[in-house]
Amino acid sequence: MAEGTPTPRKVTAAATQHDALPMRGMALLGTFMNDKAPEALIRNQNGRIEKIGLGDKVGRQQVVAINPGLVVLMRNGATERLTMPRG
């Protein structure tokens, strides 16, 4: 079994709340800090769930940073921050 960071109670509660995630656009579902490289789980704009890592493309944006509870995407010098939902 893979080791990971325990899910905070607020996040667990938000996962079962109605309208906790935005229905449009991307949403950050989780981040995974491991020995090799950080990864994140997102729901993309098409509603599909995908695992992403540093340097990956998400639509027309590139993943430039993954920190606990945060993903930073960049396109043409503009950044977008995806954060975990707050409970």
PDB file of N, CA and C in Angstrom:
ATOM      1  N   MET A   1       0.851  -1.177   0.000  1.00  0.00           N
ATOM      2  CA  MET A   1       0.000   0.000   0.000  1.00  0.00           C
ATOM      3  C   MET A   1       0.891   1.231   0.000  1.00  0.00           C
ATOM      4  N   ALA A   2       0.587   2.194  -0.835  1.00  0.00           N
ATOM      5  CA  ALA A   2       1.377   3.418  -0.933  1.00  0.00           C
ATOM      6  C   ALA A   2       1.130   4.313   0.273  1.00  0.00           C
ATOM      7  N   GLU A   3       2.213   4.912   0.737  1.00  0.00           N
ATOM      8  CA  GLU A   3       2.084   5.839   1.853  1.00  0.00           C
ATOM      9  C   GLU A   3       1.741   7.215   1.304  1.00  0.00           C
ATOM     10  N   GLY A   4       0.985   7.964   2.051  1.00  0.00           N
ATOM     11  CA  GLY A   4       0.624   9.300   1.619  1.00  0.00           C
ATOM     12  C   GLY A   4       0.289  10.169   2.803  1.00  0.00           C
ATOM     13  N   THR A   5      -0.076  11.355   2.499  1.00  0.00           N
ATOM     14  CA  THR A   5      -0.465  12.298   3.533  1.00  0.00           C
ATOM     15  C   THR A   5      -1.906  12.022   3.919  1.00  0.00           C
ATOM     16  N   PRO A   6      -2.209  11.942   5.218  1.00  0.00           N
ATOM     17  CA  PRO A   6      -3.599  11.727   5.618  1.00  0.00           C
ATOM     18  C   PRO A   6      -4.489  12.864   5.102  1.00  0.00           C
ATOM     19  N   THR A   7      -5.676  12.523   4.693  1.00  0.00           N
ATOM     20  CA  THR A   7      -6.616  13.528   4.198  1.00  0.00           C
ATOM     21  C   THR A   7      -7.190  14.303   5.378  1.00  0.00           C
ATOM     22  N   PRO A   8      -7.054  15.638   5.349  1.00  0.00           N
ATOM     23  CA  PRO A   8      -7.616  16.443   6.440  1.00  0.00           C
ATOM     24  C   PRO A   8      -9.125  16.248   6.548  1.00  0.00           C
ATOM     25  N   ARG A   9      -9.640  16.318   7.764  1.00  0.00           N
ATOM     26  CA  ARG A   9     -11.082  16.124   7.983  1.00  0.00           C
ATOM     27  C   ARG A   9     -11.924  17.107   7.172  1.00  0.00           C
ATOM     28  N   LYS A  10     -11.463  18.341   7.061  1.00  0.00           N
ATOM     29  CA  LYS A  10     -12.223  19.338   6.292  1.00  0.00           C
ATOM     30  C   LYS A  10     -12.352  18.920   4.834  1.00  0.00           C
ATOM     31  N   VAL A  11     -11.288  18.351   4.275  1.00  0.00           N
ATOM     32  CA  VAL A  11     -11.333  17.906   2.879  1.00  0.00           C
ATOM     33  C   VAL A  11     -12.262  16.705   2.744  1.00  0.00           C
ATOM     34  N   THR A  12     -12.180  15.776   3.679  1.00  0.00           N
ATOM     35  CA  THR A  12     -13.067  14.619   3.658  1.00  0.00           C
ATOM     36  C   THR A  12     -14.526  15.057   3.730  1.00  0.00           C
ATOM     37  N   ALA A  13     -14.818  16.015   4.596  1.00  0.00           N
ATOM     38  CA  ALA A  13     -16.187  16.518   4.717  1.00  0.00           C
ATOM     39  C   ALA A  13     -16.615  17.240   3.446  1.00  0.00           C
ATOM     40  N   ALA A  14     -15.704  18.009   2.844  1.00  0.00           N
ATOM     41  CA  ALA A  14     -16.036  18.751   1.615  1.00  0.00           C
ATOM     42  C   ALA A  14     -16.316  17.791   0.467  1.00  0.00           C
ATOM     43  N   ALA A  15     -15.680  16.633   0.483  1.00  0.00           N
ATOM     44  CA  ALA A  15     -15.876  15.667  -0.597  1.00  0.00           C
ATOM     45  C   ALA A  15     -17.289  15.123  -0.631  1.00  0.00           C
ATOM     46  N   THR A  16     -17.998  15.249   0.467  1.00  0.00           N
ATOM     47  CA  THR A  16     -19.366  14.743   0.512  1.00  0.00           C
ATOM     48  C   THR A  16     -20.403  15.861   0.565  1.00  0.00           C
ATOM     49  N   GLN A  17     -19.958  17.111   0.447  1.00  0.00           N
ATOM     50  CA  GLN A  17     -20.882  18.239   0.485  1.00  0.00           C
ATOM     51  C   GLN A  17     -21.356  18.584  -0.915  1.00  0.00           C
ATOM     52  N   HIS A  18     -22.619  18.938  -1.019  1.00  0.00           N
ATOM     53  CA  HIS A  18     -23.198  19.367  -2.281  1.00  0.00           C
ATOM     54  C   HIS A  18     -22.547  20.683  -2.699  1.00  0.00           C
ATOM     55  N   ASP A  19     -22.144  20.795  -3.970  1.00  0.00           N
ATOM     56  CA  ASP A  19     -21.541  21.997  -4.544  1.00  0.00           C
ATOM     57  C   ASP A  19     -20.200  22.373  -3.922  1.00  0.00           C
ATOM     58  N   ALA A  20     -19.455  21.415  -3.388  1.00  0.00           N
ATOM     59  CA  ALA A  20     -18.143  21.710  -2.806  1.00  0.00           C
ATOM     60  C   ALA A  20     -17.124  22.025  -3.897  1.00  0.00           C
ATOM     61  N   LEU A  21     -17.253  21.401  -5.073  1.00  0.00           N
ATOM     62  CA  LEU A  21     -16.377  21.669  -6.195  1.00  0.00           C
ATOM     63  C   LEU A  21     -17.125  22.476  -7.247  1.00  0.00           C
ATOM     64  N   PRO A  22     -16.416  23.373  -7.934  1.00  0.00           N
ATOM     65  CA  PRO A  22     -17.069  24.115  -9.013  1.00  0.00           C
ATOM     66  C   PRO A  22     -17.491  23.146 -10.123  1.00  0.00           C
ATOM     67  N   MET A  23     -18.628  23.384 -10.719  1.00  0.00           N
ATOM     68  CA  MET A  23     -19.124  22.492 -11.769  1.00  0.00           C
ATOM     69  C   MET A  23     -18.456  22.766 -13.112  1.00  0.00           C
ATOM     70  N   ARG A  24     -17.891  23.939 -13.281  1.00  0.00           N
ATOM     71  CA  ARG A  24     -17.218  24.297 -14.536  1.00  0.00           C
ATOM     72  C   ARG A  24     -15.737  24.491 -14.279  1.00  0.00           C
ATOM     73  N   GLY A  25     -14.961  24.268 -15.303  1.00  0.00           N
ATOM     74  CA  GLY A  25     -13.522  24.470 -15.184  1.00  0.00           C
ATOM     75  C   GLY A  25     -12.839  23.324 -14.474  1.00  0.00           C
ATOM     76  N   MET A  26     -11.564  23.526 -14.204  1.00  0.00           N
ATOM     77  CA  MET A  26     -10.767  22.503 -13.540  1.00  0.00           C
ATOM     78  C   MET A  26     -10.930  22.578 -12.032  1.00  0.00           C
ATOM     79  N   ALA A  27     -10.707  21.437 -11.396  1.00  0.00           N
ATOM     80  CA  ALA A  27     -10.757  21.384  -9.933  1.00  0.00           C
ATOM     81  C   ALA A  27      -9.640  20.471  -9.449  1.00  0.00           C
ATOM     82  N   LEU A  28      -8.960  20.897  -8.412  1.00  0.00           N
ATOM     83  CA  LEU A  28      -7.921  20.092  -7.793  1.00  0.00           C
ATOM     84  C   LEU A  28      -8.572  19.130  -6.810  1.00  0.00           C
ATOM     85  N   LEU A  29      -8.290  17.840  -6.975  1.00  0.00           N
ATOM     86  CA  LEU A  29      -8.870  16.812  -6.118  1.00  0.00           C
ATOM     87  C   LEU A  29      -7.898  16.319  -5.057  1.00  0.00           C
ATOM     88  N   GLY A  30      -6.603  16.430  -5.333  1.00  0.00           N
ATOM     89  CA  GLY A  30      -5.626  15.985  -4.358  1.00  0.00           C
ATOM     90  C   GLY A  30      -4.214  16.167  -4.865  1.00  0.00           C
ATOM     91  N   THR A  31      -3.262  16.220  -3.933  1.00  0.00           N
ATOM     92  CA  THR A  31      -1.850  16.290  -4.278  1.00  0.00           C
ATOM     93  C   THR A  31      -1.121  15.158  -3.572  1.00  0.00           C
ATOM     94  N   PHE A  32      -0.067  14.688  -4.202  1.00  0.00           N
ATOM     95  CA  PHE A  32       0.702  13.559  -3.693  1.00  0.00           C
ATOM     96  C   PHE A  32       2.172  13.937  -3.687  1.00  0.00           C
ATOM     97  N   MET A  33       2.736  14.081  -2.506  1.00  0.00           N
ATOM     98  CA  MET A  33       4.150  14.389  -2.367  1.00  0.00           C
ATOM     99  C   MET A  33       4.880  13.072  -2.151  1.00  0.00           C
ATOM    100  N   ASN A  34       5.728  12.693  -3.100  1.00  0.00           N
ATOM    101  CA  ASN A  34       6.466  11.446  -2.954  1.00  0.00           C
ATOM    102  C   ASN A  34       7.951  11.691  -3.188  1.00  0.00           C
ATOM    103  N   ASP A  35       8.766  10.660  -3.068  1.00  0.00           N
ATOM    104  CA  ASP A  35      10.217  10.793  -3.180  1.00  0.00           C
ATOM    105  C   ASP A  35      10.682  11.182  -4.580  1.00  0.00           C
ATOM    106  N   LYS A  36       9.982  10.729  -5.604  1.00  0.00           N
ATOM    107  CA  LYS A  36      10.416  10.982  -6.981  1.00  0.00           C
ATOM    108  C   LYS A  36      10.024  12.382  -7.443  1.00  0.00           C
ATOM    109  N   ALA A  37       8.750  12.665  -7.470  1.00  0.00           N
ATOM    110  CA  ALA A  37       8.251  13.964  -7.936  1.00  0.00           C
ATOM    111  C   ALA A  37       6.807  14.113  -7.476  1.00  0.00           C
ATOM    112  N   PRO A  38       6.391  15.333  -7.164  1.00  0.00           N
ATOM    113  CA  PRO A  38       5.004  15.525  -6.738  1.00  0.00           C
ATOM    114  C   PRO A  38       4.050  15.274  -7.900  1.00  0.00           C
ATOM    115  N   GLU A  39       2.849  14.821  -7.566  1.00  0.00           N
ATOM    116  CA  GLU A  39       1.796  14.603  -8.555  1.00  0.00           C
ATOM    117  C   GLU A  39       0.501  15.154  -7.981  1.00  0.00           C
ATOM    118  N   ALA A  40      -0.464  15.347  -8.858  1.00  0.00           N
ATOM    119  CA  ALA A  40      -1.763  15.839  -8.419  1.00  0.00           C
ATOM    120  C   ALA A  40      -2.855  15.125  -9.199  1.00  0.00           C
ATOM    121  N   LEU A  41      -4.034  15.108  -8.623  1.00  0.00           N
ATOM    122  CA  LEU A  41      -5.211  14.547  -9.261  1.00  0.00           C
ATOM    123  C   LEU A  41      -6.172  15.699  -9.494  1.00  0.00           C
ATOM    124  N   ILE A  42      -6.561  15.892 -10.756  1.00  0.00           N
ATOM    125  CA  ILE A  42      -7.483  16.986 -11.089  1.00  0.00           C
ATOM    126  C   ILE A  42      -8.678  16.456 -11.865  1.00  0.00           C
ATOM    127  N   ARG A  43      -9.754  17.237 -11.842  1.00  0.00           N
ATOM    128  CA  ARG A  43     -10.860  17.018 -12.773  1.00  0.00           C
ATOM    129  C   ARG A  43     -10.670  18.092 -13.827  1.00  0.00           C
ATOM    130  N   ASN A  44     -10.444  17.670 -15.082  1.00  0.00           N
ATOM    131  CA  ASN A  44     -10.180  18.645 -16.129  1.00  0.00           C
ATOM    132  C   ASN A  44     -11.465  19.301 -16.624  1.00  0.00           C
ATOM    133  N   GLN A  45     -11.339  20.206 -17.579  1.00  0.00           N
ATOM    134  CA  GLN A  45     -12.490  20.961 -18.065  1.00  0.00           C
ATOM    135  C   GLN A  45     -13.525  20.091 -18.751  1.00  0.00           C
ATOM    136  N   ASN A  46     -13.117  18.895 -19.197  1.00  0.00           N
ATOM    137  CA  ASN A  46     -14.051  17.960 -19.828  1.00  0.00           C
ATOM    138  C   ASN A  46     -14.720  17.039 -18.817  1.00  0.00           C
ATOM    139  N   GLY A  47     -14.380  17.212 -17.535  1.00  0.00           N
ATOM    140  CA  GLY A  47     -14.971  16.386 -16.494  1.00  0.00           C
ATOM    141  C   GLY A  47     -14.218  15.096 -16.226  1.00  0.00           C
ATOM    142  N   ARG A  48     -13.112  14.882 -16.924  1.00  0.00           N
ATOM    143  CA  ARG A  48     -12.328  13.668 -16.738  1.00  0.00           C
ATOM    144  C   ARG A  48     -11.328  13.861 -15.604  1.00  0.00           C
ATOM    145  N   ILE A  49     -11.086  12.786 -14.875  1.00  0.00           N
ATOM    146  CA  ILE A  49     -10.112  12.793 -13.786  1.00  0.00           C
ATOM    147  C   ILE A  49      -8.773  12.365 -14.370  1.00  0.00           C
ATOM    148  N   GLU A  50      -7.707  13.135 -14.061  1.00  0.00           N
ATOM    149  CA  GLU A  50      -6.390  12.751 -14.543  1.00  0.00           C
ATOM    150  C   GLU A  50      -5.304  13.059 -13.521  1.00  0.00           C
ATOM    151  N   LYS A  51      -4.260  12.230 -13.545  1.00  0.00           N
ATOM    152  CA  LYS A  51      -3.099  12.440 -12.685  1.00  0.00           C
ATOM    153  C   LYS A  51      -2.103  13.264 -13.493  1.00  0.00           C
ATOM    154  N   ILE A  52      -1.546  14.309 -12.862  1.00  0.00           N
ATOM    155  CA  ILE A  52      -0.608  15.184 -13.543  1.00  0.00           C
ATOM    156  C   ILE A  52       0.673  15.319 -12.728  1.00  0.00           C
ATOM    157  N   GLY A  53       1.750  15.675 -13.429  1.00  0.00           N
ATOM    158  CA  GLY A  53       3.030  15.908 -12.783  1.00  0.00           C
ATOM    159  C   GLY A  53       3.663  17.176 -13.329  1.00  0.00           C
ATOM    160  N   LEU A  54       4.776  17.559 -12.758  1.00  0.00           N
ATOM    161  CA  LEU A  54       5.477  18.760 -13.205  1.00  0.00           C
ATOM    162  C   LEU A  54       5.826  18.656 -14.684  1.00  0.00           C
ATOM    163  N   GLY A  55       5.570  19.727 -15.419  1.00  0.00           N
ATOM    164  CA  GLY A  55       5.873  19.766 -16.840  1.00  0.00           C
ATOM    165  C   GLY A  55       4.762  19.262 -17.733  1.00  0.00           C
ATOM    166  N   ASP A  56       3.770  18.573 -17.178  1.00  0.00           N
ATOM    167  CA  ASP A  56       2.658  18.060 -17.980  1.00  0.00           C
ATOM    168  C   ASP A  56       1.822  19.207 -18.538  1.00  0.00           C
ATOM    169  N   LYS A  57       1.163  18.943 -19.641  1.00  0.00           N
ATOM    170  CA  LYS A  57       0.225  19.897 -20.229  1.00  0.00           C
ATOM    171  C   LYS A  57      -1.187  19.558 -19.770  1.00  0.00           C
ATOM    172  N   VAL A  58      -1.926  20.580 -19.389  1.00  0.00           N
ATOM    173  CA  VAL A  58      -3.341  20.456 -19.041  1.00  0.00           C
ATOM    174  C   VAL A  58      -4.047  21.459 -19.939  1.00  0.00           C
ATOM    175  N   GLY A  59      -4.689  20.942 -20.985  1.00  0.00           N
ATOM    176  CA  GLY A  59      -5.232  21.843 -21.995  1.00  0.00           C
ATOM    177  C   GLY A  59      -4.067  22.579 -22.638  1.00  0.00           C
ATOM    178  N   ARG A  60      -4.113  23.906 -22.605  1.00  0.00           N
ATOM    179  CA  ARG A  60      -3.034  24.712 -23.169  1.00  0.00           C
ATOM    180  C   ARG A  60      -2.070  25.234 -22.108  1.00  0.00           C
ATOM    181  N   GLN A  61      -2.242  24.774 -20.875  1.00  0.00           N
ATOM    182  CA  GLN A  61      -1.404  25.234 -19.780  1.00  0.00           C
ATOM    183  C   GLN A  61      -0.403  24.159 -19.392  1.00  0.00           C
ATOM    184  N   GLN A  62       0.721  24.595 -18.799  1.00  0.00           N
ATOM    185  CA  GLN A  62       1.735  23.667 -18.335  1.00  0.00           C
ATOM    186  C   GLN A  62       1.794  23.702 -16.818  1.00  0.00           C
ATOM    187  N   VAL A  63       1.956  22.522 -16.217  1.00  0.00           N
ATOM    188  CA  VAL A  63       2.080  22.414 -14.767  1.00  0.00           C
ATOM    189  C   VAL A  63       3.488  22.879 -14.387  1.00  0.00           C
ATOM    190  N   VAL A  64       3.571  23.972 -13.591  1.00  0.00           N
ATOM    191  CA  VAL A  64       4.879  24.514 -13.215  1.00  0.00           C
ATOM    192  C   VAL A  64       5.194  24.309 -11.738  1.00  0.00           C
ATOM    193  N   ALA A  65       4.199  23.989 -10.911  1.00  0.00           N
ATOM    194  CA  ALA A  65       4.454  23.735  -9.489  1.00  0.00           C
ATOM    195  C   ALA A  65       3.339  22.876  -8.909  1.00  0.00           C
ATOM    196  N   ILE A  66       3.734  21.973  -8.019  1.00  0.00           N
ATOM    197  CA  ILE A  66       2.774  21.174  -7.244  1.00  0.00           C
ATOM    198  C   ILE A  66       3.264  21.196  -5.803  1.00  0.00           C
ATOM    199  N   ASN A  67       2.447  21.704  -4.923  1.00  0.00           N
ATOM    200  CA  ASN A  67       2.721  21.748  -3.491  1.00  0.00           C
ATOM    201  C   ASN A  67       1.521  21.131  -2.779  1.00  0.00           C
ATOM    202  N   PRO A  68       1.638  20.808  -1.495  1.00  0.00           N
ATOM    203  CA  PRO A  68       0.483  20.246  -0.795  1.00  0.00           C
ATOM    204  C   PRO A  68      -0.744  21.154  -0.925  1.00  0.00           C
ATOM    205  N   GLY A  69      -1.793  20.637  -1.567  1.00  0.00           N
ATOM    206  CA  GLY A  69      -3.037  21.386  -1.720  1.00  0.00           C
ATOM    207  C   GLY A  69      -3.023  22.475  -2.763  1.00  0.00           C
ATOM    208  N   LEU A  70      -1.989  22.515  -3.632  1.00  0.00           N
ATOM    209  CA  LEU A  70      -1.860  23.594  -4.613  1.00  0.00           C
ATOM    210  C   LEU A  70      -1.194  23.106  -5.891  1.00  0.00           C
ATOM    211  N   VAL A  71      -1.759  23.511  -7.034  1.00  0.00           N
ATOM    212  CA  VAL A  71      -1.138  23.285  -8.343  1.00  0.00           C
ATOM    213  C   VAL A  71      -1.098  24.637  -9.048  1.00  0.00           C
ATOM    214  N   VAL A  72       0.044  24.940  -9.662  1.00  0.00           N
ATOM    215  CA  VAL A  72       0.188  26.180 -10.416  1.00  0.00           C
ATOM    216  C   VAL A  72       0.380  25.822 -11.884  1.00  0.00           C
ATOM    217  N   LEU A  73      -0.475  26.414 -12.728  1.00  0.00           N
ATOM    218  CA  LEU A  73      -0.427  26.205 -14.172  1.00  0.00           C
ATOM    219  C   LEU A  73      -0.004  27.516 -14.831  1.00  0.00           C
ATOM    220  N   MET A  74       0.699  27.421 -15.993  1.00  0.00           N
ATOM    221  CA  MET A  74       1.137  28.627 -16.686  1.00  0.00           C
ATOM    222  C   MET A  74       0.860  28.522 -18.180  1.00  0.00           C
ATOM    223  N   ARG A  75       0.437  29.645 -18.744  1.00  0.00           N
ATOM    224  CA  ARG A  75       0.241  29.747 -20.192  1.00  0.00           C
ATOM    225  C   ARG A  75       0.597  31.169 -20.600  1.00  0.00           C
ATOM    226  N   ASN A  76       1.539  31.311 -21.505  1.00  0.00           N
ATOM    227  CA  ASN A  76       1.969  32.619 -22.010  1.00  0.00           C
ATOM    228  C   ASN A  76       2.319  33.587 -20.884  1.00  0.00           C
ATOM    229  N   GLY A  77       2.979  33.111 -19.858  1.00  0.00           N
ATOM    230  CA  GLY A  77       3.408  33.954 -18.746  1.00  0.00           C
ATOM    231  C   GLY A  77       2.343  34.226 -17.694  1.00  0.00           C
ATOM    232  N   ALA A  78       1.105  33.831 -17.943  1.00  0.00           N
ATOM    233  CA  ALA A  78       0.018  34.021 -16.966  1.00  0.00           C
ATOM    234  C   ALA A  78      -0.148  32.732 -16.162  1.00  0.00           C
ATOM    235  N   THR A  79      -0.339  32.875 -14.858  1.00  0.00           N
ATOM    236  CA  THR A  79      -0.488  31.694 -14.011  1.00  0.00           C
ATOM    237  C   THR A  79      -1.916  31.551 -13.509  1.00  0.00           C
ATOM    238  N   GLU A  80      -2.284  30.316 -13.257  1.00  0.00           N
ATOM    239  CA  GLU A  80      -3.561  29.972 -12.633  1.00  0.00           C
ATOM    240  C   GLU A  80      -3.246  29.040 -11.482  1.00  0.00           C
ATOM    241  N   ARG A  81      -3.862  29.298 -10.339  1.00  0.00           N
ATOM    242  CA  ARG A  81      -3.659  28.476  -9.151  1.00  0.00           C
ATOM    243  C   ARG A  81      -4.910  27.639  -8.894  1.00  0.00           C
ATOM    244  N   LEU A  82      -4.707  26.341  -8.754  1.00  0.00           N
ATOM    245  CA  LEU A  82      -5.786  25.442  -8.349  1.00  0.00           C
ATOM    246  C   LEU A  82      -5.519  25.048  -6.912  1.00  0.00           C
ATOM    247  N   THR A  83      -6.503  25.222  -6.055  1.00  0.00           N
ATOM    248  CA  THR A  83      -6.358  24.864  -4.655  1.00  0.00           C
ATOM    249  C   THR A  83      -7.432  23.860  -4.264  1.00  0.00           C
ATOM    250  N   MET A  84      -7.162  23.170  -3.177  1.00  0.00           N
ATOM    251  CA  MET A  84      -8.131  22.212  -2.648  1.00  0.00           C
ATOM    252  C   MET A  84      -9.355  22.960  -2.126  1.00  0.00           C
ATOM    253  N   PRO A  85     -10.535  22.358  -2.258  1.00  0.00           N
ATOM    254  CA  PRO A  85     -11.739  23.000  -1.719  1.00  0.00           C
ATOM    255  C   PRO A  85     -11.657  23.113  -0.207  1.00  0.00           C
ATOM    256  N   ARG A  86     -12.224  24.155   0.307  1.00  0.00           N
ATOM    257  CA  ARG A  86     -12.233  24.373   1.766  1.00  0.00           C
ATOM    258  C   ARG A  86     -13.572  23.894   2.307  1.00  0.00           C
ATOM    259  N   GLY A  87     -13.494  23.240   3.448  1.00  0.00           N
ATOM    260  CA  GLY A  87     -14.708  22.704   4.065  1.00  0.00           C
ATOM    261  C   GLY A  87     -15.296  23.593   5.092  1.00  0.00           C
TER     262      GLY A  87
END
